[in-house]
C-alpha cells in the first residue's frame, strides 16, 4: 500500500505541472524591436523606384505623381505614389476561450456564453477562437508617420469570436455567408489545390476567394478545423478565415490598389494578396519572410508548436498604396 501511494505521488509530481500549464492562459508581450521581422515592410516603392531586400510584392505599382481631392480652396492635392507593407493588425488564435497571448497571457473574461469545444472522439477536429486587434506599431515607433499613408490609430480590439455565435456553429454561419453552399462541392474544393501551388510559389489566386490555399477552405467562416493536422496549420487557417470574415463585415478595407490611394475602400470580398503574416507567439518568426495568404506551413511551422503552447498570435502585414503629400 505504501509503495502504491509513493508511486501515485511521484506520478502527480511529474504530471501536475504540465496539467496546470495546459489549463493556464500563457503569453508574452511582443517586443516591437526584436519580435517583428522588420524587412517585412518591404518592398517599398516610390513610383517606379523600388527597394525590396528580397521580399515579395503583389499588386498595383504606384504612380510617381498622383492627385487626391482636397477641401476648398485647394480642391486638389498633388503627391507622390508610395506602396509598402504595413504591420497593422494582430490575430490571436486560441483553444482556451478569452485567453490572450498578446496581452501576456491575460484572461479577457469568462462570461459563460462561448465555450468552443474540441471533439475528443476525433483527433482530426479542433475548435479555435480568434481575436483581431489594431496594432499600429509604425505609429508607436514614429515610422512613416510624416506622410498621409499611416492612419492615426490606437491599440484596440476589433473582434472577439467568443461573443459571436456564428463563429461557433457551421450551420448558423450560413446566415452571414449563404454563398458557402456554392463552394461545398468537390469541384470548388479541388480548385484550392491550384491556389495552394500559387500561394507557395508566390501569391494565391484572388479569383479563388473561397480558398485558403494549402490550408483548405475559407468557408465556413467558423473556428472549426475539420482536417486538423497541427496547431500551426489550423491557426493559420483561422487567421485567414478571420481576415475573410472582417472583409465580409466591412471591418477590413481595400488599402492596396490604385482606387484606394486617397482613401481606403470597402471590400466585402477578402483581398487575399493584400496580406502577409508573421508568427509572434509562441516563437517570433524573425528569421523567416512573412507568409503569404494560403502558403504551406510545412517549412515555416517546423519547431513552432509544442505541448502546453497551443495558442498562437500572428502579426498581419497589409499592403498600403497611397498618395503621400
Protein backbone atom coordinates (compact mmCIF):
# COMPACT_ATOMS: atom_id res chain seq x y z
CA UNK A 1 0.00 0.00 0.00
CA UNK A 2 2.80 2.39 0.90
CA UNK A 3 4.61 1.61 -2.35
CA UNK A 4 1.49 2.35 -4.40
CA UNK A 5 0.99 5.63 -2.55
CA UNK A 6 4.58 6.65 -3.26
CA UNK A 7 4.15 5.80 -6.96
CA UNK A 8 0.92 7.83 -7.11
CA UNK A 9 2.62 10.83 -5.53
CA UNK A 10 5.51 10.57 -7.98
CA UNK A 11 3.10 10.50 -10.91
CA UNK A 12 1.31 13.57 -9.58
CA UNK A 13 4.56 15.44 -9.08
CA UNK A 14 5.61 14.71 -12.67
CA UNK A 15 2.28 15.36 -14.41
CA UNK A 16 0.66 18.09 -12.32
CA UNK A 17 2.86 20.96 -13.60
CA UNK A 18 2.09 20.00 -17.20
CA UNK A 19 -1.65 19.76 -16.47
CA UNK A 20 -1.66 23.13 -14.73
CA UNK A 21 0.33 24.67 -17.59
CA UNK A 22 -2.05 23.24 -20.20
CA UNK A 23 -5.07 24.80 -18.46
CA UNK A 24 -3.46 28.18 -17.84
CA UNK A 25 -3.56 31.05 -20.27
CA UNK A 26 0.01 31.89 -21.26
CA UNK A 27 1.55 34.56 -23.42
CA UNK A 28 4.20 37.21 -23.81
CA UNK A 29 4.04 40.88 -24.65
CA UNK A 30 5.79 41.18 -28.03
CA UNK A 31 8.82 43.43 -28.20
CA UNK A 32 8.29 45.71 -31.22
CA UNK A 33 12.03 45.98 -31.77
CA UNK A 34 13.10 42.34 -31.55
CA UNK A 35 9.98 40.24 -32.23
CA UNK A 36 8.99 41.77 -35.56
CA UNK A 37 10.53 40.86 -38.91
CA UNK A 38 11.13 44.45 -39.99
CA UNK A 39 12.18 43.58 -43.52
CA UNK A 40 8.53 42.63 -43.93
CA UNK A 41 7.62 46.27 -44.67
CA UNK A 42 9.47 45.89 -47.98
CA UNK A 43 9.22 46.14 -50.94
CA UNK A 44 8.96 49.90 -50.54
CA UNK A 45 8.06 51.58 -53.80
CA UNK A 46 8.15 55.27 -54.65
CA UNK A 47 6.67 55.49 -58.10
CA UNK A 48 8.69 53.17 -60.37
CA UNK A 49 11.59 53.01 -57.90
CA UNK A 50 11.71 50.02 -55.57
CA UNK A 51 13.71 48.65 -52.64
CA UNK A 52 12.80 45.03 -51.94
CA UNK A 53 15.54 43.42 -49.76
CA UNK A 54 14.39 40.09 -51.15
CA UNK A 55 10.77 40.50 -50.04
CA UNK A 56 7.74 39.58 -52.16
CA UNK A 57 5.26 42.06 -53.59
CA UNK A 58 1.95 41.92 -55.40
CA UNK A 59 -0.47 44.46 -56.81
CA UNK A 60 -0.62 47.84 -58.50
CA UNK A 61 2.55 49.85 -58.99
CA UNK A 62 2.16 53.34 -57.53
CA UNK A 63 2.38 56.25 -59.98
CA UNK A 64 5.19 58.73 -59.50
CA UNK A 65 2.75 61.66 -59.43
CA UNK A 66 -0.77 61.33 -58.02
CA UNK A 67 -3.66 63.60 -57.12
CA UNK A 68 -6.34 63.42 -54.46
CA UNK A 69 -9.40 65.56 -53.70
CA UNK A 70 -8.92 68.28 -51.07
CA UNK A 71 -11.21 70.74 -49.30
CA UNK A 72 -11.72 74.22 -50.72
CA UNK A 73 -9.96 76.39 -51.64
CA UNK A 74 -7.30 73.85 -52.70
CA UNK A 75 -9.66 71.22 -54.23
CA UNK A 76 -6.78 69.01 -55.47
CA UNK A 77 -3.60 67.88 -53.79
CA UNK A 78 -0.62 66.60 -55.74
CA UNK A 79 1.55 63.91 -54.19
CA UNK A 80 3.91 61.01 -54.81
CA UNK A 81 2.71 57.42 -55.06
CA UNK A 82 4.09 55.11 -52.35
CA UNK A 83 3.50 51.47 -51.51
CA UNK A 84 4.78 49.34 -48.63
CA UNK A 85 3.65 46.56 -46.29
CA UNK A 86 2.34 47.93 -43.02
CA UNK A 87 2.37 45.80 -39.82
CA UNK A 88 -1.06 46.94 -38.68
CA UNK A 89 -3.09 44.09 -37.18
CA UNK A 90 -2.64 41.08 -34.91
CA UNK A 91 -4.76 37.93 -34.92
CA UNK A 92 -4.77 35.61 -31.91
CA UNK A 93 -5.93 32.03 -32.34
CA UNK A 94 -6.59 30.21 -29.07
CA UNK A 95 -8.09 26.98 -27.82
CA UNK A 96 -8.97 28.39 -24.40
CA UNK A 97 -11.77 30.97 -24.77
CA UNK A 98 -10.88 34.55 -23.78
CA UNK A 99 -7.16 33.75 -23.47
CA UNK A 100 -4.91 36.48 -24.86
CA UNK A 101 -1.26 35.58 -25.55
CA UNK A 102 -0.68 39.08 -26.94
CA UNK A 103 -1.55 40.60 -23.55
CA UNK A 104 0.93 38.45 -21.69
CA UNK A 105 -1.44 35.56 -21.01
CA UNK A 106 -4.29 37.65 -19.61
CA UNK A 107 -7.78 36.18 -19.48
CA UNK A 108 -10.17 38.68 -21.03
CA UNK A 109 -13.15 37.35 -19.09
CA UNK A 110 -15.37 34.33 -18.77
CA UNK A 111 -18.96 35.22 -19.50
CA UNK A 112 -20.18 31.65 -19.77
CA UNK A 113 -21.57 32.17 -23.26
CA UNK A 114 -18.94 30.93 -25.69
CA UNK A 115 -17.04 27.83 -24.75
CA UNK A 116 -15.79 26.40 -28.02
CA UNK A 117 -15.26 22.69 -27.59
CA UNK A 118 -12.90 20.21 -29.13
CA UNK A 119 -14.27 16.82 -30.11
CA UNK A 120 -12.12 14.41 -28.13
CA UNK A 121 -13.58 11.47 -30.10
CA UNK A 122 -12.00 12.72 -33.34
CA UNK A 123 -8.41 13.96 -33.22
CA UNK A 124 -8.78 15.38 -36.76
CA UNK A 125 -11.25 18.00 -35.50
CA UNK A 126 -10.41 21.08 -33.45
CA UNK A 127 -12.17 24.25 -32.36
CA UNK A 128 -10.42 27.62 -32.03
CA UNK A 129 -11.41 31.14 -31.09
CA UNK A 130 -9.82 34.21 -32.61
CA UNK A 131 -9.23 37.84 -31.60
CA UNK A 132 -8.49 40.66 -34.01
CA UNK A 133 -6.50 43.67 -32.79
CA UNK A 134 -5.50 47.04 -34.18
CA UNK A 135 -1.72 47.04 -33.72
CA UNK A 136 -0.33 50.37 -35.03
CA UNK A 137 3.34 49.63 -34.44
CA UNK A 138 4.57 52.11 -37.08
CA UNK A 139 2.76 54.93 -35.29
CA UNK A 140 4.21 53.81 -31.95
CA UNK A 141 7.73 53.97 -33.31
CA UNK A 142 7.03 57.14 -35.30
CA UNK A 143 7.97 55.49 -38.60
CA UNK A 144 6.48 56.71 -41.89
CA UNK A 145 4.09 58.91 -39.89
CA UNK A 146 5.17 62.11 -41.62
CA UNK A 147 3.21 61.08 -44.72
CA UNK A 148 -0.53 60.55 -45.02
CA UNK A 149 -0.14 56.79 -45.57
CA UNK A 150 -0.15 55.77 -41.89
CA UNK A 151 -3.54 56.27 -40.25
CA UNK A 152 -3.79 57.67 -36.75
CA UNK A 153 -4.97 54.57 -34.87
CA UNK A 154 -4.61 53.36 -31.31
CA UNK A 155 -4.21 49.84 -29.96
CA UNK A 156 -7.63 48.26 -29.67
CA UNK A 157 -9.54 45.01 -30.06
CA UNK A 158 -11.76 44.93 -33.14
CA UNK A 159 -13.30 41.49 -32.82
CA UNK A 160 -13.74 38.70 -30.30
CA UNK A 161 -15.24 35.46 -31.64
CA UNK A 162 -16.26 34.25 -28.18
CA UNK A 163 -19.08 36.81 -28.39
CA UNK A 164 -20.09 35.73 -31.90
CA UNK A 165 -22.40 32.69 -32.03
CA UNK A 166 -21.90 32.45 -35.81
CA UNK A 167 -18.21 31.58 -35.31
CA UNK A 168 -19.11 28.53 -33.26
CA UNK A 169 -21.74 26.92 -35.48
CA UNK A 170 -21.13 25.92 -39.11
CA UNK A 171 -24.83 25.79 -39.95
CA UNK A 172 -25.71 29.04 -38.21
CA UNK A 173 -22.86 30.75 -40.07
CA UNK A 174 -24.77 30.39 -43.34
CA UNK A 175 -26.90 33.34 -42.16
CA UNK A 176 -23.86 35.56 -42.75
CA UNK A 177 -22.45 33.75 -45.77
CA UNK A 178 -25.14 31.81 -47.70
CA UNK A 179 -22.72 31.71 -50.67
CA UNK A 180 -20.85 28.97 -48.79
CA UNK A 181 -23.30 26.48 -50.30
CA UNK A 182 -21.84 27.23 -53.74
CA UNK A 183 -18.39 26.04 -52.68
CA UNK A 184 -19.39 22.91 -50.75
CA UNK A 185 -18.69 20.59 -53.67
CA UNK A 186 -15.67 18.58 -54.88
CA UNK A 187 -15.02 20.78 -57.92
CA UNK A 188 -14.78 24.02 -55.94
CA UNK A 189 -12.62 22.39 -53.29
CA UNK A 190 -10.34 20.81 -55.89
CA UNK A 191 -9.59 24.31 -57.17
CA UNK A 192 -7.98 25.06 -53.82
CA UNK A 193 -5.14 22.75 -54.83
CA UNK A 194 -4.21 25.22 -57.59
CA UNK A 195 -4.48 28.02 -55.03
CA UNK A 196 -2.05 26.15 -52.77
CA UNK A 197 0.50 25.84 -55.59
CA UNK A 198 0.18 29.52 -56.49
CA UNK A 199 0.49 30.66 -52.86
CA UNK A 200 3.53 28.51 -52.21
CA UNK A 201 5.22 29.83 -55.35
CA UNK A 202 4.29 33.44 -54.59
CA UNK A 203 0.75 34.73 -54.05
CA UNK A 204 -2.59 32.95 -54.10
CA UNK A 205 -5.25 33.32 -56.79
CA UNK A 206 -7.55 36.22 -55.94
CA UNK A 207 -10.38 34.82 -58.09
CA UNK A 208 -10.42 31.70 -55.88
CA UNK A 209 -11.56 33.79 -52.92
CA UNK A 210 -13.23 30.83 -51.19
CA UNK A 211 -9.88 29.04 -50.94
CA UNK A 212 -7.29 29.41 -48.18
CA UNK A 213 -4.57 27.84 -50.29
CA UNK A 214 -2.80 24.90 -48.66
CA UNK A 215 -4.89 25.32 -45.50
CA UNK A 216 -8.13 24.39 -47.26
CA UNK A 217 -11.28 26.49 -47.48
CA UNK A 218 -12.24 29.91 -46.11
CA UNK A 219 -15.78 28.56 -45.74
CA UNK A 220 -17.46 28.11 -43.39
CA UNK A 221 -16.10 31.20 -41.61
CA UNK A 222 -16.04 29.44 -38.25
CA UNK A 223 -13.47 28.20 -35.77
CA UNK A 224 -13.95 24.54 -36.70
CA UNK A 225 -10.97 22.78 -38.23
CA UNK A 226 -12.32 19.52 -39.66
CA UNK A 227 -8.96 18.35 -41.00
CA UNK A 228 -6.73 19.28 -38.09
CA UNK A 229 -3.16 18.04 -38.54
CA UNK A 230 -1.27 20.56 -36.40
CA UNK A 231 -1.66 23.77 -34.46
CA UNK A 232 0.35 25.95 -36.85
CA UNK A 233 -1.63 24.91 -39.92
CA UNK A 234 -5.00 25.20 -38.16
CA UNK A 235 -4.20 28.54 -36.52
CA UNK A 236 -3.04 29.90 -39.90
CA UNK A 237 -6.36 28.79 -41.40
CA UNK A 238 -8.25 30.53 -38.58
CA UNK A 239 -6.28 33.74 -39.21
CA UNK A 240 -7.17 33.57 -42.90
CA UNK A 241 -10.82 32.93 -42.09
CA UNK A 242 -10.78 35.86 -39.68
CA UNK A 243 -9.49 38.14 -42.44
CA UNK A 244 -12.22 36.82 -44.75
CA UNK A 245 -14.82 37.49 -42.07
CA UNK A 246 -13.51 41.00 -41.39
CA UNK A 247 -13.84 41.87 -45.08
CA UNK A 248 -17.30 40.35 -45.21
CA UNK A 249 -18.37 42.56 -42.30
CA UNK A 250 -16.56 45.63 -43.75
CA UNK A 251 -14.17 45.78 -40.80
CA UNK A 252 -11.24 45.33 -43.20
CA UNK A 253 -10.80 47.54 -46.24
CA UNK A 254 -9.02 47.71 -49.58
CA UNK A 255 -5.75 49.53 -48.91
CA UNK A 256 -3.63 48.14 -51.72
CA UNK A 257 -4.96 49.26 -55.11
CA UNK A 258 -4.82 52.47 -57.09
CA UNK A 259 -8.52 53.01 -56.33
CA UNK A 260 -7.65 53.22 -52.61
CA UNK A 261 -4.70 55.60 -52.93
CA UNK A 262 -6.55 58.60 -51.49
CA UNK A 263 -8.87 56.73 -49.12
CA UNK A 264 -9.33 53.07 -48.15
CA UNK A 265 -12.32 51.48 -49.85
CA UNK A 266 -14.86 48.86 -48.68
CA UNK A 267 -14.03 45.37 -49.94
CA UNK A 268 -16.65 42.77 -48.93
CA UNK A 269 -14.66 40.01 -50.68
CA UNK A 270 -11.36 39.24 -48.97
CA UNK A 271 -8.31 40.65 -50.77
CA UNK A 272 -6.05 37.70 -50.10
CA UNK A 273 -2.94 39.13 -51.75
CA UNK A 274 -3.12 42.27 -49.65
CA UNK A 275 -1.87 40.35 -46.62
CA UNK A 276 1.17 38.58 -45.25
CA UNK A 277 1.54 37.20 -41.73
CA UNK A 278 4.34 36.56 -39.27
CA UNK A 279 4.08 34.42 -36.14
CA UNK A 280 4.53 36.43 -32.94
CA UNK A 281 3.71 33.71 -30.41
CA UNK A 282 4.75 31.21 -29.16
CA UNK A 283 8.00 31.74 -31.14
CA UNK A 284 8.51 35.01 -33.06
CA UNK A 285 9.40 34.12 -36.65
CA UNK A 286 12.06 36.80 -37.05
CA UNK A 287 14.30 34.74 -39.33
CA UNK A 288 11.67 33.97 -41.99
CA UNK A 289 9.86 36.06 -44.55
CA UNK A 290 6.19 36.63 -43.67
CA UNK A 291 3.83 34.01 -45.04
CA UNK A 292 1.56 34.92 -47.94
CA UNK A 293 -2.13 34.05 -47.68
CA UNK A 294 -2.54 30.30 -48.22
CA UNK A 295 1.13 29.31 -48.37
CA UNK A 296 2.03 25.92 -46.92
CA UNK A 297 3.26 25.91 -43.32
CA UNK A 298 5.37 22.76 -43.67
CA UNK A 299 8.61 24.74 -43.55
CA UNK A 300 7.63 27.87 -41.63
CA UNK A 301 5.77 25.87 -38.96
CA UNK A 302 8.63 23.50 -38.12
CA UNK A 303 9.55 23.74 -34.44
CA UNK A 304 6.83 26.33 -33.71
CA UNK A 305 4.47 24.09 -31.73
CA UNK A 306 4.99 22.10 -28.54
CA UNK A 307 2.84 20.78 -25.64
CA UNK A 308 1.43 23.46 -23.38
CA UNK A 309 1.79 26.16 -26.04
CA UNK A 310 -1.18 25.57 -28.33
CA UNK A 311 -2.27 29.21 -28.64
CA UNK A 312 -0.88 31.42 -31.39
CA UNK A 313 -0.58 35.08 -32.37
CA UNK A 314 0.19 36.42 -35.84
CA UNK A 315 1.27 39.89 -36.91
CA UNK A 316 -0.56 40.84 -40.10
CA UNK A 317 1.18 42.96 -42.71
CA UNK A 318 -1.22 44.68 -45.11
CA UNK A 319 -0.11 46.33 -48.32
CA UNK A 320 -0.61 50.10 -48.37
CA UNK A 321 -0.67 52.09 -51.58
CA UNK A 322 -1.16 55.79 -51.02
CA UNK A 323 -0.61 59.28 -52.34
CA UNK A 324 1.86 60.95 -50.00
CA UNK A 325 1.84 64.73 -49.75
